[in-house]
Amino acid sequence: MIFSTNSKVLEKVLSKVFPAVPARTPMPILENYLFQIEEGKLTITATDIEITLRSSIFIDSTENAEMVVPAKLLFDIVKSLGDTLINFEVDPVNSKMKLKTETGYYNIGYASAEEFPKIPDVNHDKKFGIAARQLKKSLDQTSFAVSKEAIRPAMMGLLIEFNMEGLRFVATDGHRLVRYSLLSEKSEIPEQYVVPERATSVLSKLLVEGNVEVALNDSTISFLLEDVELTSRLINQKYPDYSSVIPLENEFRLKVKKSELQSSIKRMLLFTTTNYQQVKLTLTTDQLEITAENIEHGSSAKEMVSCEYMGDAMSIGFNAGFLNDVLSHLDDTEAVFKLHSPTKACIIEPLTQKENEDLMMLLMPVRINN
């Protein structure tokens, strides 16, 4: 059979699907694209079993076919060709695919589609639509706090929670917690789904404009964008009761310019060790003293930052790297810290919440070495 398409059009589709191709795998078949040609439409699929990406383009073809093609080799060839017409000639006898352009040809082997894992068509119990930019913000605001430790598998994913208060995205690694809520997306039936971090990471890079149709059931979630669909297995573990660790008695309040505090914290990181990134904050009515010390190198640093603090004088320690991450994802010029004591969790919020949004970050303190 023979079919043809523009190289740039094909490259765009291959690039969207390629993130699902595993870099290393005990199943070599997963290092391929699945090509499915039907009625002039080419659908390209890649999977690492956990996530699947699929996209389609229309091609000039009169025959139907299925085959498995080496993903990296094909992608690299197409990227290198520039803007040109590619004619594909498929030789089923020798299992060869020839890519022909005006200036050359390239032969690659292909395999039977029967060897590729079956991608099931999933019936979904729940569907909703969301703007791509809003979904991207929801993922980016929270996913940095997803746990990397396999001790509690549920915490290695992002919680999507439906309730009467809004659509919530929650992530925690036990040291920090982020809860981002879309207050306009309310649901009368409370439900929770845990999406693997890899799926949210790949999805965030695909989200640009338009709308996304999200479909879920107990085991699977799919995100249908304009020209690509991402399907992922859900983590089949109960998410921890995160609300139980959010303190209610944090009566002390610190207001500080985010940029000034974050700049200081970044400099303090230079005076910490990789394994022990402690920074100490000493709070008084109008001044925040920030100190760090690297005992191994005999180095230390201290800075003063203007603030507004209402509460008892206090010194509290934080992991400087975690604090910097939290400030990086705070979408406001001023940060508000709600505290109770040097040993209790601290709540960090923007001074002004965006319309129909609510962002709450929690950071556990570390013990100060006096």
Protein backbone atom coordinates (compact mmCIF):
# COMPACT_ATOMS: atom_id res chain seq x y z
CA MET A 1 0.00 0.00 0.00
CA ILE A 2 1.01 3.64 -0.50
CA PHE A 3 0.05 6.78 1.43
CA SER A 4 1.42 10.31 1.66
CA THR A 5 1.42 13.31 3.99
CA ASN A 6 3.29 16.53 4.68
CA SER A 7 6.36 16.10 6.91
CA LYS A 8 5.54 19.04 9.19
CA VAL A 9 1.98 17.85 9.75
CA LEU A 10 3.25 14.38 10.60
CA GLU A 11 6.02 15.73 12.83
CA LYS A 12 3.51 17.67 14.90
CA VAL A 13 1.44 14.56 15.56
CA LEU A 14 4.47 12.39 16.30
CA SER A 15 5.78 14.97 18.78
CA LYS A 16 2.49 15.06 20.69
CA VAL A 17 2.37 11.28 21.02
CA PHE A 18 6.09 10.64 21.64
CA PRO A 19 6.06 11.48 25.41
CA ALA A 20 4.22 8.19 26.03
CA VAL A 21 7.08 6.19 24.49
CA PRO A 22 9.15 4.81 27.41
CA ALA A 23 12.89 5.58 27.41
CA ARG A 24 13.65 2.18 28.94
CA THR A 25 11.31 -0.78 29.13
CA PRO A 26 11.45 -4.58 29.48
CA MET A 27 8.83 -4.64 26.70
CA PRO A 28 10.56 -3.56 23.45
CA ILE A 29 7.23 -3.37 21.62
CA LEU A 30 6.42 -0.24 23.64
CA GLU A 31 9.28 1.60 21.92
CA ASN A 32 7.06 1.81 18.83
CA TYR A 33 4.18 3.82 17.45
CA LEU A 34 1.01 2.00 16.53
CA PHE A 35 -0.13 3.16 13.07
CA GLN A 36 -3.80 2.59 12.22
CA ILE A 37 -4.98 3.72 8.80
CA GLU A 38 -8.70 3.71 8.17
CA GLU A 39 -10.71 5.58 5.53
CA GLY A 40 -8.00 8.16 4.87
CA LYS A 41 -7.23 8.84 8.53
CA LEU A 42 -3.98 7.90 10.24
CA THR A 43 -4.23 7.39 14.01
CA ILE A 44 -0.93 7.20 15.87
CA THR A 45 -0.79 5.71 19.37
CA ALA A 46 2.00 5.35 21.91
CA THR A 47 1.85 3.85 25.39
CA ASP A 48 3.99 2.84 28.34
CA ILE A 49 1.02 0.89 29.76
CA GLU A 50 0.44 3.52 32.47
CA ILE A 51 -0.39 6.36 30.06
CA THR A 52 -1.49 6.33 26.44
CA LEU A 53 -1.37 9.16 23.90
CA ARG A 54 -3.32 9.08 20.65
CA SER A 55 -3.67 11.58 17.81
CA SER A 56 -4.90 11.52 14.22
CA ILE A 57 -4.37 13.25 10.88
CA PHE A 58 -5.95 12.85 7.48
CA ILE A 59 -3.72 11.37 4.79
CA ASP A 60 -3.90 10.56 1.11
CA SER A 61 -4.64 6.83 1.20
CA THR A 62 -7.24 4.47 -0.20
CA GLU A 63 -6.35 1.37 1.86
CA ASN A 64 -6.73 0.42 5.51
CA ALA A 65 -3.85 -1.04 7.50
CA GLU A 66 -2.27 -1.46 10.94
CA MET A 67 1.42 -1.72 11.81
CA VAL A 68 3.95 -1.00 14.54
CA VAL A 69 6.79 1.40 13.64
CA PRO A 70 10.01 2.26 15.60
CA ALA A 71 9.07 5.50 17.34
CA LYS A 72 12.38 7.29 17.87
CA LEU A 73 13.81 6.39 14.47
CA LEU A 74 10.70 7.54 12.61
CA PHE A 75 10.39 10.71 14.68
CA ASP A 76 14.06 11.62 14.13
CA ILE A 77 13.81 11.00 10.37
CA VAL A 78 10.68 13.12 9.96
CA LYS A 79 12.10 15.96 12.07
CA SER A 80 15.23 16.08 9.92
CA LEU A 81 13.40 16.37 6.58
CA GLY A 82 12.21 19.96 6.79
CA ASP A 83 8.97 20.86 5.03
CA THR A 84 8.31 18.33 2.28
CA LEU A 85 5.89 15.69 1.03
CA ILE A 86 6.59 12.17 2.24
CA ASN A 87 5.34 9.18 0.29
CA PHE A 88 5.14 5.97 2.32
CA GLU A 89 5.40 2.63 0.57
CA VAL A 90 4.57 -0.38 2.70
CA ASP A 91 5.90 -3.80 1.68
CA PRO A 92 3.97 -6.40 3.70
CA VAL A 93 6.02 -9.30 2.30
CA ASN A 94 9.30 -8.03 3.76
CA SER A 95 7.76 -5.94 6.58
CA LYS A 96 9.48 -2.81 5.31
CA MET A 97 8.28 0.76 5.18
CA LYS A 98 9.94 3.13 2.70
CA LEU A 99 9.76 6.90 3.19
CA LYS A 100 10.36 8.68 -0.13
CA THR A 101 10.96 12.40 -0.71
CA GLU A 102 12.13 14.32 -3.76
CA THR A 103 15.76 13.87 -2.70
CA GLY A 104 15.99 10.44 -1.06
CA TYR A 105 14.39 7.41 0.51
CA TYR A 106 14.65 5.71 3.90
CA ASN A 107 13.80 2.11 4.72
CA ILE A 108 12.68 1.05 8.20
CA GLY A 109 11.27 -2.21 9.43
CA TYR A 110 7.85 -2.56 10.98
CA ALA A 111 6.03 -5.23 12.98
CA SER A 112 2.53 -6.60 13.19
CA ALA A 113 0.02 -4.54 15.12
CA GLU A 114 -1.03 -7.73 16.91
CA GLU A 115 2.12 -7.48 19.05
CA PHE A 116 1.15 -4.03 20.37
CA PRO A 117 -0.76 -3.93 23.70
CA LYS A 118 -4.48 -3.64 23.26
CA ILE A 119 -5.74 -0.18 24.14
CA PRO A 120 -9.24 -0.71 25.53
CA ASP A 121 -12.11 1.62 24.79
CA VAL A 122 -13.18 2.60 28.27
CA ASN A 123 -16.74 3.42 29.28
CA HIS A 124 -16.60 6.44 31.56
CA ASP A 125 -18.99 7.14 34.41
CA LYS A 126 -18.32 10.87 34.77
CA LYS A 127 -17.54 13.62 32.27
CA PHE A 128 -16.91 17.33 32.54
CA GLY A 129 -15.36 20.10 30.47
CA ILE A 130 -12.72 22.60 31.53
CA ALA A 131 -10.69 25.30 29.77
CA ALA A 132 -7.20 24.10 28.86
CA ARG A 133 -5.52 27.09 30.49
CA GLN A 134 -7.48 26.58 33.70
CA LEU A 135 -6.59 22.89 33.84
CA LYS A 136 -2.93 23.67 33.17
CA LYS A 137 -2.89 26.20 36.02
CA SER A 138 -4.55 23.68 38.33
CA LEU A 139 -1.89 21.07 37.56
CA ASP A 140 1.06 23.46 37.70
CA GLN A 141 -0.06 25.02 40.99
CA THR A 142 -0.17 21.65 42.75
CA SER A 143 1.86 18.90 41.11
CA PHE A 144 5.23 20.09 42.46
CA ALA A 145 4.16 18.82 45.90
CA VAL A 146 3.40 15.25 44.73
CA SER A 147 5.42 12.70 46.71
CA LYS A 148 8.35 10.88 45.09
CA GLU A 149 8.33 8.18 47.79
CA ALA A 150 6.65 4.85 47.04
CA ILE A 151 5.80 4.17 50.71
CA ARG A 152 2.31 5.63 50.22
CA PRO A 153 1.37 5.11 46.54
CA ALA A 154 -1.66 7.41 46.67
CA MET A 155 0.57 10.38 47.54
CA MET A 156 2.54 9.75 44.32
CA GLY A 157 -0.47 11.07 42.46
CA LEU A 158 -2.56 14.22 42.26
CA LEU A 159 -5.96 14.10 43.93
CA ILE A 160 -8.91 15.41 41.92
CA GLU A 161 -11.80 15.89 44.30
CA PHE A 162 -15.39 16.82 43.55
CA ASN A 163 -17.53 18.30 46.32
CA MET A 164 -19.99 21.07 47.17
CA GLU A 165 -17.18 23.56 47.77
CA GLY A 166 -15.73 23.20 44.26
CA LEU A 167 -13.38 21.13 42.16
CA ARG A 168 -10.19 20.58 44.14
CA PHE A 169 -6.69 19.58 43.11
CA VAL A 170 -4.58 18.37 46.05
CA ALA A 171 -0.97 17.21 46.34
CA THR A 172 1.18 16.39 49.37
CA ASP A 173 4.45 14.67 50.16
CA GLY A 174 4.02 14.79 53.92
CA HIS A 175 6.21 17.89 54.26
CA ARG A 176 4.08 20.29 52.22
CA LEU A 177 0.51 20.24 51.00
CA VAL A 178 -1.20 22.24 48.26
CA ARG A 179 -4.95 22.55 47.80
CA TYR A 180 -6.17 24.49 44.77
CA SER A 181 -9.93 24.88 44.35
CA LEU A 182 -12.09 26.03 41.46
CA LEU A 183 -15.06 27.39 43.36
CA SER A 184 -17.35 27.61 40.31
CA GLU A 185 -17.14 23.85 39.60
CA LYS A 186 -19.35 22.43 42.37
CA SER A 187 -20.59 18.87 42.63
CA GLU A 188 -23.38 17.51 44.81
CA ILE A 189 -21.82 14.03 44.86
CA PRO A 190 -18.40 13.88 46.59
CA GLU A 191 -15.89 11.84 44.60
CA GLN A 192 -12.11 11.40 44.61
CA TYR A 193 -9.72 10.26 41.87
CA VAL A 194 -5.92 9.98 42.12
CA VAL A 195 -4.03 10.69 38.88
CA PRO A 196 -0.38 9.53 38.57
CA GLU A 197 2.22 12.31 38.52
CA ARG A 198 3.56 11.17 35.14
CA ALA A 199 0.16 11.69 33.54
CA THR A 200 -0.21 15.21 34.95
CA SER A 201 3.35 16.11 33.89
CA VAL A 202 2.80 15.00 30.28
CA LEU A 203 -0.66 16.55 30.15
CA SER A 204 0.53 19.95 31.40
CA LYS A 205 2.92 20.24 28.43
CA LEU A 206 0.10 19.54 25.98
CA LEU A 207 -2.36 22.09 27.36
CA VAL A 208 -2.41 25.42 25.53
CA GLU A 209 -5.75 26.76 24.30
CA GLY A 210 -9.31 25.58 23.85
CA ASN A 211 -11.29 23.22 26.03
CA VAL A 212 -10.60 19.78 27.46
CA GLU A 213 -13.17 17.04 27.90
CA VAL A 214 -12.32 14.95 30.96
CA ALA A 215 -13.85 11.50 31.39
CA LEU A 216 -13.39 9.19 34.38
CA ASN A 217 -14.33 5.86 35.84
CA ASP A 218 -12.99 3.92 38.82
CA SER A 219 -9.78 2.89 37.07
CA THR A 220 -9.16 5.27 34.16
CA ILE A 221 -9.12 8.96 33.28
CA SER A 222 -8.93 10.47 29.80
CA PHE A 223 -8.29 14.02 28.64
CA LEU A 224 -9.51 14.83 25.15
CA LEU A 225 -7.85 17.92 23.71
CA GLU A 226 -8.37 19.41 20.29
CA ASP A 227 -5.93 17.10 18.51
CA VAL A 228 -4.71 14.56 21.05
CA GLU A 229 -6.14 12.28 23.72
CA LEU A 230 -4.29 11.24 26.86
CA THR A 231 -5.54 8.22 28.79
CA SER A 232 -4.11 7.18 32.14
CA ARG A 233 -4.66 4.55 34.73
CA LEU A 234 -5.72 5.92 38.10
CA ILE A 235 -3.95 5.03 41.33
CA ASN A 236 -6.22 2.55 43.05
CA GLN A 237 -5.40 3.66 46.59
CA LYS A 238 -7.34 5.79 49.05
CA TYR A 239 -5.89 9.27 49.38
CA PRO A 240 -4.94 10.32 52.93
CA ASP A 241 -7.38 12.52 54.84
CA TYR A 242 -5.46 15.69 54.04
CA SER A 243 -8.01 17.96 55.73
CA SER A 244 -7.11 16.49 59.13
CA VAL A 245 -3.60 18.03 58.97
CA ILE A 246 -4.79 21.55 58.09
CA PRO A 247 -4.62 23.49 61.38
CA LEU A 248 -7.59 25.54 62.54
CA GLU A 249 -5.95 27.50 65.35
CA ASN A 250 -3.25 29.42 63.43
CA GLU A 251 -4.02 32.83 64.91
CA PHE A 252 -0.69 34.60 64.20
CA ARG A 253 -0.40 36.38 60.83
CA LEU A 254 2.67 37.39 58.84
CA LYS A 255 2.35 39.49 55.66
CA VAL A 256 5.45 39.91 53.48
CA LYS A 257 6.31 40.81 49.89
CA LYS A 258 6.75 37.53 48.07
CA SER A 259 9.61 38.64 45.80
CA GLU A 260 11.69 40.01 48.69
CA LEU A 261 11.25 36.89 50.80
CA GLN A 262 11.89 34.53 47.91
CA SER A 263 15.06 36.36 46.84
CA SER A 264 16.35 36.09 50.39
CA ILE A 265 15.47 32.38 50.63
CA LYS A 266 17.33 31.67 47.38
CA ARG A 267 20.45 33.32 48.81
CA MET A 268 20.04 31.39 52.06
CA LEU A 269 20.07 28.16 50.04
CA LEU A 270 23.70 28.93 49.20
CA PHE A 271 24.46 28.56 52.91
CA THR A 272 22.79 25.18 53.41
CA THR A 273 23.81 21.63 52.60
CA THR A 274 22.09 19.40 50.06
CA ASN A 275 20.76 17.10 52.76
CA TYR A 276 19.92 19.78 55.32
CA GLN A 277 18.44 22.91 53.79
CA GLN A 278 17.36 24.58 56.99
CA VAL A 279 16.50 28.26 57.16
CA LYS A 280 15.36 30.08 60.32
CA LEU A 281 12.77 32.84 60.32
CA THR A 282 12.61 35.10 63.38
CA LEU A 283 9.41 37.14 63.45
CA THR A 284 8.89 40.52 65.08
CA THR A 285 6.26 43.20 64.50
CA ASP A 286 7.79 44.86 61.42
CA GLN A 287 10.89 42.86 60.59
CA LEU A 288 11.63 39.31 59.51
CA GLU A 289 15.12 38.02 60.24
CA ILE A 290 16.22 35.18 57.95
CA THR A 291 19.31 33.12 58.78
CA ALA A 292 21.07 30.02 57.48
CA GLU A 293 24.27 28.23 58.45
CA ASN A 294 26.46 25.58 56.86
CA ILE A 295 28.45 24.13 59.76
CA GLU A 296 30.49 21.87 57.48
CA HIS A 297 31.87 24.84 55.52
CA GLY A 298 31.86 27.30 58.39
CA SER A 299 29.62 29.70 56.45
CA SER A 300 26.48 31.57 57.50
CA ALA A 301 24.17 34.35 56.35
CA LYS A 302 21.57 36.71 57.80
CA GLU A 303 19.17 39.11 56.13
CA MET A 304 16.37 41.40 57.26
CA VAL A 305 13.09 41.75 55.33
CA SER A 306 10.30 44.21 56.10
CA CYS A 307 7.01 42.63 57.10
CA GLU A 308 3.78 43.05 59.01
CA TYR A 309 3.42 40.55 61.81
CA MET A 310 0.63 40.19 64.33
CA GLY A 311 1.42 37.64 66.99
CA ASP A 312 3.91 36.54 69.63
CA ALA A 313 7.62 36.86 68.79
CA MET A 314 8.69 33.56 67.29
CA SER A 315 11.55 31.72 65.59
CA ILE A 316 10.54 28.94 63.20
CA GLY A 317 12.57 26.72 60.86
CA PHE A 318 11.71 25.52 57.38
CA ASN A 319 13.30 23.50 54.63
CA ALA A 320 14.51 26.35 52.40
CA GLY A 321 14.00 24.36 49.20
CA PHE A 322 10.40 23.54 50.10
CA LEU A 323 9.71 27.14 51.11
CA ASN A 324 11.15 28.38 47.82
CA ASP A 325 8.91 25.94 45.89
CA VAL A 326 5.82 27.16 47.73
CA LEU A 327 6.65 30.82 47.07
CA SER A 328 7.33 30.05 43.39
CA HIS A 329 3.76 28.80 43.02
CA LEU A 330 2.12 31.63 44.92
CA ASP A 331 0.26 33.75 42.37
CA ASP A 332 0.37 37.13 44.13
CA THR A 333 2.82 39.88 45.04
CA GLU A 334 2.27 39.40 48.77
CA ALA A 335 2.24 36.23 50.86
CA VAL A 336 0.35 35.63 54.08
CA PHE A 337 1.72 33.13 56.62
CA LYS A 338 -0.69 31.84 59.26
CA LEU A 339 1.17 30.37 62.24
CA HIS A 340 0.58 29.03 65.73
CA SER A 341 3.94 27.80 67.06
CA PRO A 342 7.40 26.64 65.85
CA THR A 343 6.23 23.01 65.86
CA LYS A 344 2.85 23.35 64.14
CA ALA A 345 2.12 23.39 60.40
CA CYS A 346 2.14 26.81 58.73
CA ILE A 347 -0.48 27.87 56.21
CA ILE A 348 0.72 30.06 53.32
CA GLU A 349 -1.75 31.86 51.06
CA PRO A 350 -1.81 34.75 48.58
CA LEU A 351 -2.99 38.01 50.11
CA THR A 352 -5.69 38.24 47.44
CA GLN A 353 -7.33 35.14 45.98
CA LYS A 354 -8.18 35.10 42.28
CA GLU A 355 -11.86 35.18 41.35
CA ASN A 356 -13.51 31.77 41.75
CA GLU A 357 -10.22 30.30 42.99
CA ASP A 358 -8.85 29.35 46.38
CA LEU A 359 -5.20 28.44 46.92
CA MET A 360 -3.93 27.09 50.22
CA MET A 361 -0.42 25.80 50.83
CA LEU A 362 0.77 24.12 54.00
CA LEU A 363 4.37 23.72 55.06
CA MET A 364 5.64 21.67 57.99
CA PRO A 365 8.38 23.35 60.08
CA VAL A 366 11.72 21.72 60.89
CA ARG A 367 13.41 21.72 64.27
CA ILE A 368 15.83 24.59 64.69
CA ASN A 369 19.41 23.86 65.72
CA ASN A 370 20.21 26.51 68.32
